[in-house]
Amino acid sequence: PTILVQMLYTTFLGIILGIIYQKT
């Protein structure tokens, strides 16, 4: 369950990082 939660929030983090890369 801990790994699944981590996968969920790292997906969100990956999206944020993608936006940052796209904008900069």
PDBML (XML) file of the C-alpha atoms, coordinates in Angstrom:
<?xml version="1.0" encoding="UTF-8" ?>
<PDBx:datablock datablockName="MODEL"
   xmlns:PDBx="http://pdbml.pdb.org/schema/pdbx-v50.xsd"
   xmlns:xsi="http://www.w3.org/2001/XMLSchema-instance"
   xsi:schemaLocation="http://pdbml.pdb.org/schema/pdbx-v50.xsd pdbx-v50.xsd">
   <PDBx:atom_siteCategory>
      <PDBx:atom_site id="1">
         <PDBx:B_iso_or_equiv>0.00</PDBx:B_iso_or_equiv>
         <PDBx:Cartn_x>0.000</PDBx:Cartn_x>
         <PDBx:Cartn_y>0.000</PDBx:Cartn_y>
         <PDBx:Cartn_z>0.000</PDBx:Cartn_z>
         <PDBx:auth_asym_id>A</PDBx:auth_asym_id>
         <PDBx:auth_atom_id>CA</PDBx:auth_atom_id>
         <PDBx:auth_comp_id>PRO</PDBx:auth_comp_id>
         <PDBx:auth_seq_id>1</PDBx:auth_seq_id>
         <PDBx:group_PDB>ATOM</PDBx:group_PDB>
         <PDBx:label_alt_id xsi:nil="true" />
         <PDBx:label_asym_id>A</PDBx:label_asym_id>
         <PDBx:label_atom_id>CA</PDBx:label_atom_id>
         <PDBx:label_comp_id>PRO</PDBx:label_comp_id>
         <PDBx:label_entity_id>1</PDBx:label_entity_id>
         <PDBx:label_seq_id>1</PDBx:label_seq_id>
         <PDBx:occupancy>1.00</PDBx:occupancy>
         <PDBx:pdbx_PDB_model_num>1</PDBx:pdbx_PDB_model_num>
         <PDBx:type_symbol>C</PDBx:type_symbol>
      </PDBx:atom_site>
      <PDBx:atom_site id="2">
         <PDBx:B_iso_or_equiv>0.00</PDBx:B_iso_or_equiv>
         <PDBx:Cartn_x>2.881</PDBx:Cartn_x>
         <PDBx:Cartn_y>2.396</PDBx:Cartn_y>
         <PDBx:Cartn_z>0.749</PDBx:Cartn_z>
         <PDBx:auth_asym_id>A</PDBx:auth_asym_id>
         <PDBx:auth_atom_id>CA</PDBx:auth_atom_id>
         <PDBx:auth_comp_id>THR</PDBx:auth_comp_id>
         <PDBx:auth_seq_id>2</PDBx:auth_seq_id>
         <PDBx:group_PDB>ATOM</PDBx:group_PDB>
         <PDBx:label_alt_id xsi:nil="true" />
         <PDBx:label_asym_id>A</PDBx:label_asym_id>
         <PDBx:label_atom_id>CA</PDBx:label_atom_id>
         <PDBx:label_comp_id>THR</PDBx:label_comp_id>
         <PDBx:label_entity_id>1</PDBx:label_entity_id>
         <PDBx:label_seq_id>2</PDBx:label_seq_id>
         <PDBx:occupancy>1.00</PDBx:occupancy>
         <PDBx:pdbx_PDB_model_num>1</PDBx:pdbx_PDB_model_num>
         <PDBx:type_symbol>C</PDBx:type_symbol>
      </PDBx:atom_site>
      <PDBx:atom_site id="3">
         <PDBx:B_iso_or_equiv>0.00</PDBx:B_iso_or_equiv>
         <PDBx:Cartn_x>4.367</PDBx:Cartn_x>
         <PDBx:Cartn_y>1.768</PDBx:Cartn_y>
         <PDBx:Cartn_z>-2.695</PDBx:Cartn_z>
         <PDBx:auth_asym_id>A</PDBx:auth_asym_id>
         <PDBx:auth_atom_id>CA</PDBx:auth_atom_id>
         <PDBx:auth_comp_id>ILE</PDBx:auth_comp_id>
         <PDBx:auth_seq_id>3</PDBx:auth_seq_id>
         <PDBx:group_PDB>ATOM</PDBx:group_PDB>
         <PDBx:label_alt_id xsi:nil="true" />
         <PDBx:label_asym_id>A</PDBx:label_asym_id>
         <PDBx:label_atom_id>CA</PDBx:label_atom_id>
         <PDBx:label_comp_id>ILE</PDBx:label_comp_id>
         <PDBx:label_entity_id>1</PDBx:label_entity_id>
         <PDBx:label_seq_id>3</PDBx:label_seq_id>
         <PDBx:occupancy>1.00</PDBx:occupancy>
         <PDBx:pdbx_PDB_model_num>1</PDBx:pdbx_PDB_model_num>
         <PDBx:type_symbol>C</PDBx:type_symbol>
      </PDBx:atom_site>
      <PDBx:atom_site id="4">
         <PDBx:B_iso_or_equiv>0.00</PDBx:B_iso_or_equiv>
         <PDBx:Cartn_x>0.980</PDBx:Cartn_x>
         <PDBx:Cartn_y>2.356</PDBx:Cartn_y>
         <PDBx:Cartn_z>-4.369</PDBx:Cartn_z>
         <PDBx:auth_asym_id>A</PDBx:auth_asym_id>
         <PDBx:auth_atom_id>CA</PDBx:auth_atom_id>
         <PDBx:auth_comp_id>LEU</PDBx:auth_comp_id>
         <PDBx:auth_seq_id>4</PDBx:auth_seq_id>
         <PDBx:group_PDB>ATOM</PDBx:group_PDB>
         <PDBx:label_alt_id xsi:nil="true" />
         <PDBx:label_asym_id>A</PDBx:label_asym_id>
         <PDBx:label_atom_id>CA</PDBx:label_atom_id>
         <PDBx:label_comp_id>LEU</PDBx:label_comp_id>
         <PDBx:label_entity_id>1</PDBx:label_entity_id>
         <PDBx:label_seq_id>4</PDBx:label_seq_id>
         <PDBx:occupancy>1.00</PDBx:occupancy>
         <PDBx:pdbx_PDB_model_num>1</PDBx:pdbx_PDB_model_num>
         <PDBx:type_symbol>C</PDBx:type_symbol>
      </PDBx:atom_site>
      <PDBx:atom_site id="5">
         <PDBx:B_iso_or_equiv>0.00</PDBx:B_iso_or_equiv>
         <PDBx:Cartn_x>0.611</PDBx:Cartn_x>
         <PDBx:Cartn_y>5.679</PDBx:Cartn_y>
         <PDBx:Cartn_z>-2.550</PDBx:Cartn_z>
         <PDBx:auth_asym_id>A</PDBx:auth_asym_id>
         <PDBx:auth_atom_id>CA</PDBx:auth_atom_id>
         <PDBx:auth_comp_id>VAL</PDBx:auth_comp_id>
         <PDBx:auth_seq_id>5</PDBx:auth_seq_id>
         <PDBx:group_PDB>ATOM</PDBx:group_PDB>
         <PDBx:label_alt_id xsi:nil="true" />
         <PDBx:label_asym_id>A</PDBx:label_asym_id>
         <PDBx:label_atom_id>CA</PDBx:label_atom_id>
         <PDBx:label_comp_id>VAL</PDBx:label_comp_id>
         <PDBx:label_entity_id>1</PDBx:label_entity_id>
         <PDBx:label_seq_id>5</PDBx:label_seq_id>
         <PDBx:occupancy>1.00</PDBx:occupancy>
         <PDBx:pdbx_PDB_model_num>1</PDBx:pdbx_PDB_model_num>
         <PDBx:type_symbol>C</PDBx:type_symbol>
      </PDBx:atom_site>
      <PDBx:atom_site id="6">
         <PDBx:B_iso_or_equiv>0.00</PDBx:B_iso_or_equiv>
         <PDBx:Cartn_x>4.137</PDBx:Cartn_x>
         <PDBx:Cartn_y>6.610</PDBx:Cartn_y>
         <PDBx:Cartn_z>-3.604</PDBx:Cartn_z>
         <PDBx:auth_asym_id>A</PDBx:auth_asym_id>
         <PDBx:auth_atom_id>CA</PDBx:auth_atom_id>
         <PDBx:auth_comp_id>GLN</PDBx:auth_comp_id>
         <PDBx:auth_seq_id>6</PDBx:auth_seq_id>
         <PDBx:group_PDB>ATOM</PDBx:group_PDB>
         <PDBx:label_alt_id xsi:nil="true" />
         <PDBx:label_asym_id>A</PDBx:label_asym_id>
         <PDBx:label_atom_id>CA</PDBx:label_atom_id>
         <PDBx:label_comp_id>GLN</PDBx:label_comp_id>
         <PDBx:label_entity_id>1</PDBx:label_entity_id>
         <PDBx:label_seq_id>6</PDBx:label_seq_id>
         <PDBx:occupancy>1.00</PDBx:occupancy>
         <PDBx:pdbx_PDB_model_num>1</PDBx:pdbx_PDB_model_num>
         <PDBx:type_symbol>C</PDBx:type_symbol>
      </PDBx:atom_site>
      <PDBx:atom_site id="7">
         <PDBx:B_iso_or_equiv>0.00</PDBx:B_iso_or_equiv>
         <PDBx:Cartn_x>3.319</PDBx:Cartn_x>
         <PDBx:Cartn_y>5.733</PDBx:Cartn_y>
         <PDBx:Cartn_z>-7.225</PDBx:Cartn_z>
         <PDBx:auth_asym_id>A</PDBx:auth_asym_id>
         <PDBx:auth_atom_id>CA</PDBx:auth_atom_id>
         <PDBx:auth_comp_id>MET</PDBx:auth_comp_id>
         <PDBx:auth_seq_id>7</PDBx:auth_seq_id>
         <PDBx:group_PDB>ATOM</PDBx:group_PDB>
         <PDBx:label_alt_id xsi:nil="true" />
         <PDBx:label_asym_id>A</PDBx:label_asym_id>
         <PDBx:label_atom_id>CA</PDBx:label_atom_id>
         <PDBx:label_comp_id>MET</PDBx:label_comp_id>
         <PDBx:label_entity_id>1</PDBx:label_entity_id>
         <PDBx:label_seq_id>7</PDBx:label_seq_id>
         <PDBx:occupancy>1.00</PDBx:occupancy>
         <PDBx:pdbx_PDB_model_num>1</PDBx:pdbx_PDB_model_num>
         <PDBx:type_symbol>C</PDBx:type_symbol>
      </PDBx:atom_site>
      <PDBx:atom_site id="8">
         <PDBx:B_iso_or_equiv>0.00</PDBx:B_iso_or_equiv>
         <PDBx:Cartn_x>0.268</PDBx:Cartn_x>
         <PDBx:Cartn_y>8.005</PDBx:Cartn_y>
         <PDBx:Cartn_z>-7.034</PDBx:Cartn_z>
         <PDBx:auth_asym_id>A</PDBx:auth_asym_id>
         <PDBx:auth_atom_id>CA</PDBx:auth_atom_id>
         <PDBx:auth_comp_id>LEU</PDBx:auth_comp_id>
         <PDBx:auth_seq_id>8</PDBx:auth_seq_id>
         <PDBx:group_PDB>ATOM</PDBx:group_PDB>
         <PDBx:label_alt_id xsi:nil="true" />
         <PDBx:label_asym_id>A</PDBx:label_asym_id>
         <PDBx:label_atom_id>CA</PDBx:label_atom_id>
         <PDBx:label_comp_id>LEU</PDBx:label_comp_id>
         <PDBx:label_entity_id>1</PDBx:label_entity_id>
         <PDBx:label_seq_id>8</PDBx:label_seq_id>
         <PDBx:occupancy>1.00</PDBx:occupancy>
         <PDBx:pdbx_PDB_model_num>1</PDBx:pdbx_PDB_model_num>
         <PDBx:type_symbol>C</PDBx:type_symbol>
      </PDBx:atom_site>
      <PDBx:atom_site id="9">
         <PDBx:B_iso_or_equiv>0.00</PDBx:B_iso_or_equiv>
         <PDBx:Cartn_x>2.062</PDBx:Cartn_x>
         <PDBx:Cartn_y>11.063</PDBx:Cartn_y>
         <PDBx:Cartn_z>-5.690</PDBx:Cartn_z>
         <PDBx:auth_asym_id>A</PDBx:auth_asym_id>
         <PDBx:auth_atom_id>CA</PDBx:auth_atom_id>
         <PDBx:auth_comp_id>TYR</PDBx:auth_comp_id>
         <PDBx:auth_seq_id>9</PDBx:auth_seq_id>
         <PDBx:group_PDB>ATOM</PDBx:group_PDB>
         <PDBx:label_alt_id xsi:nil="true" />
         <PDBx:label_asym_id>A</PDBx:label_asym_id>
         <PDBx:label_atom_id>CA</PDBx:label_atom_id>
         <PDBx:label_comp_id>TYR</PDBx:label_comp_id>
         <PDBx:label_entity_id>1</PDBx:label_entity_id>
         <PDBx:label_seq_id>9</PDBx:label_seq_id>
         <PDBx:occupancy>1.00</PDBx:occupancy>
         <PDBx:pdbx_PDB_model_num>1</PDBx:pdbx_PDB_model_num>
         <PDBx:type_symbol>C</PDBx:type_symbol>
      </PDBx:atom_site>
      <PDBx:atom_site id="10">
         <PDBx:B_iso_or_equiv>0.00</PDBx:B_iso_or_equiv>
         <PDBx:Cartn_x>5.133</PDBx:Cartn_x>
         <PDBx:Cartn_y>10.549</PDBx:Cartn_y>
         <PDBx:Cartn_z>-7.900</PDBx:Cartn_z>
         <PDBx:auth_asym_id>A</PDBx:auth_asym_id>
         <PDBx:auth_atom_id>CA</PDBx:auth_atom_id>
         <PDBx:auth_comp_id>THR</PDBx:auth_comp_id>
         <PDBx:auth_seq_id>10</PDBx:auth_seq_id>
         <PDBx:group_PDB>ATOM</PDBx:group_PDB>
         <PDBx:label_alt_id xsi:nil="true" />
         <PDBx:label_asym_id>A</PDBx:label_asym_id>
         <PDBx:label_atom_id>CA</PDBx:label_atom_id>
         <PDBx:label_comp_id>THR</PDBx:label_comp_id>
         <PDBx:label_entity_id>1</PDBx:label_entity_id>
         <PDBx:label_seq_id>10</PDBx:label_seq_id>
         <PDBx:occupancy>1.00</PDBx:occupancy>
         <PDBx:pdbx_PDB_model_num>1</PDBx:pdbx_PDB_model_num>
         <PDBx:type_symbol>C</PDBx:type_symbol>
      </PDBx:atom_site>
      <PDBx:atom_site id="11">
         <PDBx:B_iso_or_equiv>0.00</PDBx:B_iso_or_equiv>
         <PDBx:Cartn_x>2.791</PDBx:Cartn_x>
         <PDBx:Cartn_y>10.511</PDBx:Cartn_y>
         <PDBx:Cartn_z>-10.903</PDBx:Cartn_z>
         <PDBx:auth_asym_id>A</PDBx:auth_asym_id>
         <PDBx:auth_atom_id>CA</PDBx:auth_atom_id>
         <PDBx:auth_comp_id>THR</PDBx:auth_comp_id>
         <PDBx:auth_seq_id>11</PDBx:auth_seq_id>
         <PDBx:group_PDB>ATOM</PDBx:group_PDB>
         <PDBx:label_alt_id xsi:nil="true" />
         <PDBx:label_asym_id>A</PDBx:label_asym_id>
         <PDBx:label_atom_id>CA</PDBx:label_atom_id>
         <PDBx:label_comp_id>THR</PDBx:label_comp_id>
         <PDBx:label_entity_id>1</PDBx:label_entity_id>
         <PDBx:label_seq_id>11</PDBx:label_seq_id>
         <PDBx:occupancy>1.00</PDBx:occupancy>
         <PDBx:pdbx_PDB_model_num>1</PDBx:pdbx_PDB_model_num>
         <PDBx:type_symbol>C</PDBx:type_symbol>
      </PDBx:atom_site>
      <PDBx:atom_site id="12">
         <PDBx:B_iso_or_equiv>0.00</PDBx:B_iso_or_equiv>
         <PDBx:Cartn_x>1.496</PDBx:Cartn_x>
         <PDBx:Cartn_y>13.894</PDBx:Cartn_y>
         <PDBx:Cartn_z>-9.746</PDBx:Cartn_z>
         <PDBx:auth_asym_id>A</PDBx:auth_asym_id>
         <PDBx:auth_atom_id>CA</PDBx:auth_atom_id>
         <PDBx:auth_comp_id>PHE</PDBx:auth_comp_id>
         <PDBx:auth_seq_id>12</PDBx:auth_seq_id>
         <PDBx:group_PDB>ATOM</PDBx:group_PDB>
         <PDBx:label_alt_id xsi:nil="true" />
         <PDBx:label_asym_id>A</PDBx:label_asym_id>
         <PDBx:label_atom_id>CA</PDBx:label_atom_id>
         <PDBx:label_comp_id>PHE</PDBx:label_comp_id>
         <PDBx:label_entity_id>1</PDBx:label_entity_id>
         <PDBx:label_seq_id>12</PDBx:label_seq_id>
         <PDBx:occupancy>1.00</PDBx:occupancy>
         <PDBx:pdbx_PDB_model_num>1</PDBx:pdbx_PDB_model_num>
         <PDBx:type_symbol>C</PDBx:type_symbol>
      </PDBx:atom_site>
      <PDBx:atom_site id="13">
         <PDBx:B_iso_or_equiv>0.00</PDBx:B_iso_or_equiv>
         <PDBx:Cartn_x>5.091</PDBx:Cartn_x>
         <PDBx:Cartn_y>15.041</PDBx:Cartn_y>
         <PDBx:Cartn_z>-9.158</PDBx:Cartn_z>
         <PDBx:auth_asym_id>A</PDBx:auth_asym_id>
         <PDBx:auth_atom_id>CA</PDBx:auth_atom_id>
         <PDBx:auth_comp_id>LEU</PDBx:auth_comp_id>
         <PDBx:auth_seq_id>13</PDBx:auth_seq_id>
         <PDBx:group_PDB>ATOM</PDBx:group_PDB>
         <PDBx:label_alt_id xsi:nil="true" />
         <PDBx:label_asym_id>A</PDBx:label_asym_id>
         <PDBx:label_atom_id>CA</PDBx:label_atom_id>
         <PDBx:label_comp_id>LEU</PDBx:label_comp_id>
         <PDBx:label_entity_id>1</PDBx:label_entity_id>
         <PDBx:label_seq_id>13</PDBx:label_seq_id>
         <PDBx:occupancy>1.00</PDBx:occupancy>
         <PDBx:pdbx_PDB_model_num>1</PDBx:pdbx_PDB_model_num>
         <PDBx:type_symbol>C</PDBx:type_symbol>
      </PDBx:atom_site>
      <PDBx:atom_site id="14">
         <PDBx:B_iso_or_equiv>0.00</PDBx:B_iso_or_equiv>
         <PDBx:Cartn_x>6.052</PDBx:Cartn_x>
         <PDBx:Cartn_y>13.860</PDBx:Cartn_y>
         <PDBx:Cartn_z>-12.655</PDBx:Cartn_z>
         <PDBx:auth_asym_id>A</PDBx:auth_asym_id>
         <PDBx:auth_atom_id>CA</PDBx:auth_atom_id>
         <PDBx:auth_comp_id>GLY</PDBx:auth_comp_id>
         <PDBx:auth_seq_id>14</PDBx:auth_seq_id>
         <PDBx:group_PDB>ATOM</PDBx:group_PDB>
         <PDBx:label_alt_id xsi:nil="true" />
         <PDBx:label_asym_id>A</PDBx:label_asym_id>
         <PDBx:label_atom_id>CA</PDBx:label_atom_id>
         <PDBx:label_comp_id>GLY</PDBx:label_comp_id>
         <PDBx:label_entity_id>1</PDBx:label_entity_id>
         <PDBx:label_seq_id>14</PDBx:label_seq_id>
         <PDBx:occupancy>1.00</PDBx:occupancy>
         <PDBx:pdbx_PDB_model_num>1</PDBx:pdbx_PDB_model_num>
         <PDBx:type_symbol>C</PDBx:type_symbol>
      </PDBx:atom_site>
      <PDBx:atom_site id="15">
         <PDBx:B_iso_or_equiv>0.00</PDBx:B_iso_or_equiv>
         <PDBx:Cartn_x>3.223</PDBx:Cartn_x>
         <PDBx:Cartn_y>15.929</PDBx:Cartn_y>
         <PDBx:Cartn_z>-14.145</PDBx:Cartn_z>
         <PDBx:auth_asym_id>A</PDBx:auth_asym_id>
         <PDBx:auth_atom_id>CA</PDBx:auth_atom_id>
         <PDBx:auth_comp_id>ILE</PDBx:auth_comp_id>
         <PDBx:auth_seq_id>15</PDBx:auth_seq_id>
         <PDBx:group_PDB>ATOM</PDBx:group_PDB>
         <PDBx:label_alt_id xsi:nil="true" />
         <PDBx:label_asym_id>A</PDBx:label_asym_id>
         <PDBx:label_atom_id>CA</PDBx:label_atom_id>
         <PDBx:label_comp_id>ILE</PDBx:label_comp_id>
         <PDBx:label_entity_id>1</PDBx:label_entity_id>
         <PDBx:label_seq_id>15</PDBx:label_seq_id>
         <PDBx:occupancy>1.00</PDBx:occupancy>
         <PDBx:pdbx_PDB_model_num>1</PDBx:pdbx_PDB_model_num>
         <PDBx:type_symbol>C</PDBx:type_symbol>
      </PDBx:atom_site>
      <PDBx:atom_site id="16">
         <PDBx:B_iso_or_equiv>0.00</PDBx:B_iso_or_equiv>
         <PDBx:Cartn_x>4.375</PDBx:Cartn_x>
         <PDBx:Cartn_y>19.008</PDBx:Cartn_y>
         <PDBx:Cartn_z>-12.200</PDBx:Cartn_z>
         <PDBx:auth_asym_id>A</PDBx:auth_asym_id>
         <PDBx:auth_atom_id>CA</PDBx:auth_atom_id>
         <PDBx:auth_comp_id>ILE</PDBx:auth_comp_id>
         <PDBx:auth_seq_id>16</PDBx:auth_seq_id>
         <PDBx:group_PDB>ATOM</PDBx:group_PDB>
         <PDBx:label_alt_id xsi:nil="true" />
         <PDBx:label_asym_id>A</PDBx:label_asym_id>
         <PDBx:label_atom_id>CA</PDBx:label_atom_id>
         <PDBx:label_comp_id>ILE</PDBx:label_comp_id>
         <PDBx:label_entity_id>1</PDBx:label_entity_id>
         <PDBx:label_seq_id>16</PDBx:label_seq_id>
         <PDBx:occupancy>1.00</PDBx:occupancy>
         <PDBx:pdbx_PDB_model_num>1</PDBx:pdbx_PDB_model_num>
         <PDBx:type_symbol>C</PDBx:type_symbol>
      </PDBx:atom_site>
      <PDBx:atom_site id="17">
         <PDBx:B_iso_or_equiv>0.00</PDBx:B_iso_or_equiv>
         <PDBx:Cartn_x>7.968</PDBx:Cartn_x>
         <PDBx:Cartn_y>18.446</PDBx:Cartn_y>
         <PDBx:Cartn_z>-13.366</PDBx:Cartn_z>
         <PDBx:auth_asym_id>A</PDBx:auth_asym_id>
         <PDBx:auth_atom_id>CA</PDBx:auth_atom_id>
         <PDBx:auth_comp_id>LEU</PDBx:auth_comp_id>
         <PDBx:auth_seq_id>17</PDBx:auth_seq_id>
         <PDBx:group_PDB>ATOM</PDBx:group_PDB>
         <PDBx:label_alt_id xsi:nil="true" />
         <PDBx:label_asym_id>A</PDBx:label_asym_id>
         <PDBx:label_atom_id>CA</PDBx:label_atom_id>
         <PDBx:label_comp_id>LEU</PDBx:label_comp_id>
         <PDBx:label_entity_id>1</PDBx:label_entity_id>
         <PDBx:label_seq_id>17</PDBx:label_seq_id>
         <PDBx:occupancy>1.00</PDBx:occupancy>
         <PDBx:pdbx_PDB_model_num>1</PDBx:pdbx_PDB_model_num>
         <PDBx:type_symbol>C</PDBx:type_symbol>
      </PDBx:atom_site>
      <PDBx:atom_site id="18">
         <PDBx:B_iso_or_equiv>0.00</PDBx:B_iso_or_equiv>
         <PDBx:Cartn_x>6.772</PDBx:Cartn_x>
         <PDBx:Cartn_y>18.054</PDBx:Cartn_y>
         <PDBx:Cartn_z>-16.949</PDBx:Cartn_z>
         <PDBx:auth_asym_id>A</PDBx:auth_asym_id>
         <PDBx:auth_atom_id>CA</PDBx:auth_atom_id>
         <PDBx:auth_comp_id>GLY</PDBx:auth_comp_id>
         <PDBx:auth_seq_id>18</PDBx:auth_seq_id>
         <PDBx:group_PDB>ATOM</PDBx:group_PDB>
         <PDBx:label_alt_id xsi:nil="true" />
         <PDBx:label_asym_id>A</PDBx:label_asym_id>
         <PDBx:label_atom_id>CA</PDBx:label_atom_id>
         <PDBx:label_comp_id>GLY</PDBx:label_comp_id>
         <PDBx:label_entity_id>1</PDBx:label_entity_id>
         <PDBx:label_seq_id>18</PDBx:label_seq_id>
         <PDBx:occupancy>1.00</PDBx:occupancy>
         <PDBx:pdbx_PDB_model_num>1</PDBx:pdbx_PDB_model_num>
         <PDBx:type_symbol>C</PDBx:type_symbol>
      </PDBx:atom_site>
      <PDBx:atom_site id="19">
         <PDBx:B_iso_or_equiv>0.00</PDBx:B_iso_or_equiv>
         <PDBx:Cartn_x>4.929</PDBx:Cartn_x>
         <PDBx:Cartn_y>21.383</PDBx:Cartn_y>
         <PDBx:Cartn_z>-16.730</PDBx:Cartn_z>
         <PDBx:auth_asym_id>A</PDBx:auth_asym_id>
         <PDBx:auth_atom_id>CA</PDBx:auth_atom_id>
         <PDBx:auth_comp_id>ILE</PDBx:auth_comp_id>
         <PDBx:auth_seq_id>19</PDBx:auth_seq_id>
         <PDBx:group_PDB>ATOM</PDBx:group_PDB>
         <PDBx:label_alt_id xsi:nil="true" />
         <PDBx:label_asym_id>A</PDBx:label_asym_id>
         <PDBx:label_atom_id>CA</PDBx:label_atom_id>
         <PDBx:label_comp_id>ILE</PDBx:label_comp_id>
         <PDBx:label_entity_id>1</PDBx:label_entity_id>
         <PDBx:label_seq_id>19</PDBx:label_seq_id>
         <PDBx:occupancy>1.00</PDBx:occupancy>
         <PDBx:pdbx_PDB_model_num>1</PDBx:pdbx_PDB_model_num>
         <PDBx:type_symbol>C</PDBx:type_symbol>
      </PDBx:atom_site>
      <PDBx:atom_site id="20">
         <PDBx:B_iso_or_equiv>0.00</PDBx:B_iso_or_equiv>
         <PDBx:Cartn_x>8.018</PDBx:Cartn_x>
         <PDBx:Cartn_y>23.076</PDBx:Cartn_y>
         <PDBx:Cartn_z>-15.296</PDBx:Cartn_z>
         <PDBx:auth_asym_id>A</PDBx:auth_asym_id>
         <PDBx:auth_atom_id>CA</PDBx:auth_atom_id>
         <PDBx:auth_comp_id>ILE</PDBx:auth_comp_id>
         <PDBx:auth_seq_id>20</PDBx:auth_seq_id>
         <PDBx:group_PDB>ATOM</PDBx:group_PDB>
         <PDBx:label_alt_id xsi:nil="true" />
         <PDBx:label_asym_id>A</PDBx:label_asym_id>
         <PDBx:label_atom_id>CA</PDBx:label_atom_id>
         <PDBx:label_comp_id>ILE</PDBx:label_comp_id>
         <PDBx:label_entity_id>1</PDBx:label_entity_id>
         <PDBx:label_seq_id>20</PDBx:label_seq_id>
         <PDBx:occupancy>1.00</PDBx:occupancy>
         <PDBx:pdbx_PDB_model_num>1</PDBx:pdbx_PDB_model_num>
         <PDBx:type_symbol>C</PDBx:type_symbol>
      </PDBx:atom_site>
      <PDBx:atom_site id="21">
         <PDBx:B_iso_or_equiv>0.00</PDBx:B_iso_or_equiv>
         <PDBx:Cartn_x>10.182</PDBx:Cartn_x>
         <PDBx:Cartn_y>21.694</PDBx:Cartn_y>
         <PDBx:Cartn_z>-18.112</PDBx:Cartn_z>
         <PDBx:auth_asym_id>A</PDBx:auth_asym_id>
         <PDBx:auth_atom_id>CA</PDBx:auth_atom_id>
         <PDBx:auth_comp_id>TYR</PDBx:auth_comp_id>
         <PDBx:auth_seq_id>21</PDBx:auth_seq_id>
         <PDBx:group_PDB>ATOM</PDBx:group_PDB>
         <PDBx:label_alt_id xsi:nil="true" />
         <PDBx:label_asym_id>A</PDBx:label_asym_id>
         <PDBx:label_atom_id>CA</PDBx:label_atom_id>
         <PDBx:label_comp_id>TYR</PDBx:label_comp_id>
         <PDBx:label_entity_id>1</PDBx:label_entity_id>
         <PDBx:label_seq_id>21</PDBx:label_seq_id>
         <PDBx:occupancy>1.00</PDBx:occupancy>
         <PDBx:pdbx_PDB_model_num>1</PDBx:pdbx_PDB_model_num>
         <PDBx:type_symbol>C</PDBx:type_symbol>
      </PDBx:atom_site>
      <PDBx:atom_site id="22">
         <PDBx:B_iso_or_equiv>0.00</PDBx:B_iso_or_equiv>
         <PDBx:Cartn_x>7.649</PDBx:Cartn_x>
         <PDBx:Cartn_y>22.696</PDBx:Cartn_y>
         <PDBx:Cartn_z>-20.756</PDBx:Cartn_z>
         <PDBx:auth_asym_id>A</PDBx:auth_asym_id>
         <PDBx:auth_atom_id>CA</PDBx:auth_atom_id>
         <PDBx:auth_comp_id>GLN</PDBx:auth_comp_id>
         <PDBx:auth_seq_id>22</PDBx:auth_seq_id>
         <PDBx:group_PDB>ATOM</PDBx:group_PDB>
         <PDBx:label_alt_id xsi:nil="true" />
         <PDBx:label_asym_id>A</PDBx:label_asym_id>
         <PDBx:label_atom_id>CA</PDBx:label_atom_id>
         <PDBx:label_comp_id>GLN</PDBx:label_comp_id>
         <PDBx:label_entity_id>1</PDBx:label_entity_id>
         <PDBx:label_seq_id>22</PDBx:label_seq_id>
         <PDBx:occupancy>1.00</PDBx:occupancy>
         <PDBx:pdbx_PDB_model_num>1</PDBx:pdbx_PDB_model_num>
         <PDBx:type_symbol>C</PDBx:type_symbol>
      </PDBx:atom_site>
      <PDBx:atom_site id="23">
         <PDBx:B_iso_or_equiv>0.00</PDBx:B_iso_or_equiv>
         <PDBx:Cartn_x>7.365</PDBx:Cartn_x>
         <PDBx:Cartn_y>26.244</PDBx:Cartn_y>
         <PDBx:Cartn_z>-19.405</PDBx:Cartn_z>
         <PDBx:auth_asym_id>A</PDBx:auth_asym_id>
         <PDBx:auth_atom_id>CA</PDBx:auth_atom_id>
         <PDBx:auth_comp_id>LYS</PDBx:auth_comp_id>
         <PDBx:auth_seq_id>23</PDBx:auth_seq_id>
         <PDBx:group_PDB>ATOM</PDBx:group_PDB>
         <PDBx:label_alt_id xsi:nil="true" />
         <PDBx:label_asym_id>A</PDBx:label_asym_id>
         <PDBx:label_atom_id>CA</PDBx:label_atom_id>
         <PDBx:label_comp_id>LYS</PDBx:label_comp_id>
         <PDBx:label_entity_id>1</PDBx:label_entity_id>
         <PDBx:label_seq_id>23</PDBx:label_seq_id>
         <PDBx:occupancy>1.00</PDBx:occupancy>
         <PDBx:pdbx_PDB_model_num>1</PDBx:pdbx_PDB_model_num>
         <PDBx:type_symbol>C</PDBx:type_symbol>
      </PDBx:atom_site>
      <PDBx:atom_site id="24">
         <PDBx:B_iso_or_equiv>0.00</PDBx:B_iso_or_equiv>
         <PDBx:Cartn_x>11.095</PDBx:Cartn_x>
         <PDBx:Cartn_y>26.823</PDBx:Cartn_y>
         <PDBx:Cartn_z>-18.939</PDBx:Cartn_z>
         <PDBx:auth_asym_id>A</PDBx:auth_asym_id>
         <PDBx:auth_atom_id>CA</PDBx:auth_atom_id>
         <PDBx:auth_comp_id>THR</PDBx:auth_comp_id>
         <PDBx:auth_seq_id>24</PDBx:auth_seq_id>
         <PDBx:group_PDB>ATOM</PDBx:group_PDB>
         <PDBx:label_alt_id xsi:nil="true" />
         <PDBx:label_asym_id>A</PDBx:label_asym_id>
         <PDBx:label_atom_id>CA</PDBx:label_atom_id>
         <PDBx:label_comp_id>THR</PDBx:label_comp_id>
         <PDBx:label_entity_id>1</PDBx:label_entity_id>
         <PDBx:label_seq_id>24</PDBx:label_seq_id>
         <PDBx:occupancy>1.00</PDBx:occupancy>
         <PDBx:pdbx_PDB_model_num>1</PDBx:pdbx_PDB_model_num>
         <PDBx:type_symbol>C</PDBx:type_symbol>
      </PDBx:atom_site>
   </PDBx:atom_siteCategory>
</PDBx:datablock>
